[in-house]
Structures are given as C-alpha cells and as structure tokens.
C-alpha cells in the first residue's frame, strides 16, 4: 500500500472518531483528520 493510501486511511479513521461522542482533550480529531486528508491529497506534489 502506498504512503498516500495510508494517509487517507488515517484521515478516515480520525474523521470517524471525531463523529463519535468521545471527549478529546486539547486537540480536535476532526481538524487532525482534515490535516491528514490534505496531506494525503498533496502527497504527490510534495514527493515529486
């Protein structure tokens, strides 16, 4: 599996966890998931 695929899977897991009523202290799981999704989307540009 490629690095981009792994980053997308991490993003999806974080976004699903953000939708659950789990308290997260000091950081937003949704924001972290969005950051991973953006990193996965831009991965080909960063590594080219």
Protein backbone atom coordinates (compact mmCIF):
# COMPACT_ATOMS: atom_id res chain seq x y z
CA UNK A 1 0.00 0.00 0.00
CA UNK A 2 1.28 3.43 -0.87
CA UNK A 3 2.02 6.20 1.60
CA UNK A 4 -0.83 8.25 0.15
CA UNK A 5 -3.26 5.39 0.80
CA UNK A 6 -2.11 5.02 4.39
CA UNK A 7 -2.55 8.75 4.98
CA UNK A 8 -6.10 8.59 3.57
CA UNK A 9 -6.94 5.64 5.84
CA UNK A 10 -5.63 7.53 8.88
CA UNK A 11 -7.71 10.56 7.85
CA UNK A 12 -10.88 8.49 7.53
CA UNK A 13 -10.32 6.83 10.91
CA UNK A 14 -9.76 10.20 12.59
CA UNK A 15 -12.86 11.69 10.99
CA UNK A 16 -14.97 8.72 12.07
CA UNK A 17 -13.63 9.03 15.62
CA UNK A 18 -14.42 12.75 15.55
CA UNK A 19 -18.06 11.94 14.79
CA UNK A 20 -18.33 9.76 17.90
CA UNK A 21 -19.10 11.34 21.26
CA UNK A 22 -15.57 10.77 22.59
CA UNK A 23 -14.05 13.64 24.55
CA UNK A 24 -10.66 14.70 23.21
CA UNK A 25 -8.61 16.96 25.42
CA UNK A 26 -6.67 19.79 23.88
CA UNK A 27 -6.98 18.83 20.19
CA UNK A 28 -9.70 18.33 17.64
CA UNK A 29 -9.87 14.94 15.97
CA UNK A 30 -11.79 16.46 13.05
CA UNK A 31 -9.10 19.06 12.46
CA UNK A 32 -6.39 16.42 12.69
CA UNK A 33 -8.31 14.21 10.25
CA UNK A 34 -8.68 17.10 7.83
CA UNK A 35 -4.96 17.80 8.07
CA UNK A 36 -4.16 14.18 7.23
CA UNK A 37 -6.59 14.27 4.30
CA UNK A 38 -4.93 17.41 2.96
CA UNK A 39 -1.51 15.85 3.41
CA UNK A 40 -2.62 12.72 1.54
CA UNK A 41 -4.11 14.81 -1.25
CA UNK A 42 -0.93 16.84 -1.69
CA UNK A 43 1.47 13.90 -1.24
CA UNK A 44 2.31 13.52 -4.97
CA UNK A 45 3.24 17.20 -5.15
CA UNK A 46 5.36 17.03 -2.00
CA UNK A 47 7.30 13.98 -3.13
CA UNK A 48 7.73 14.91 -6.79
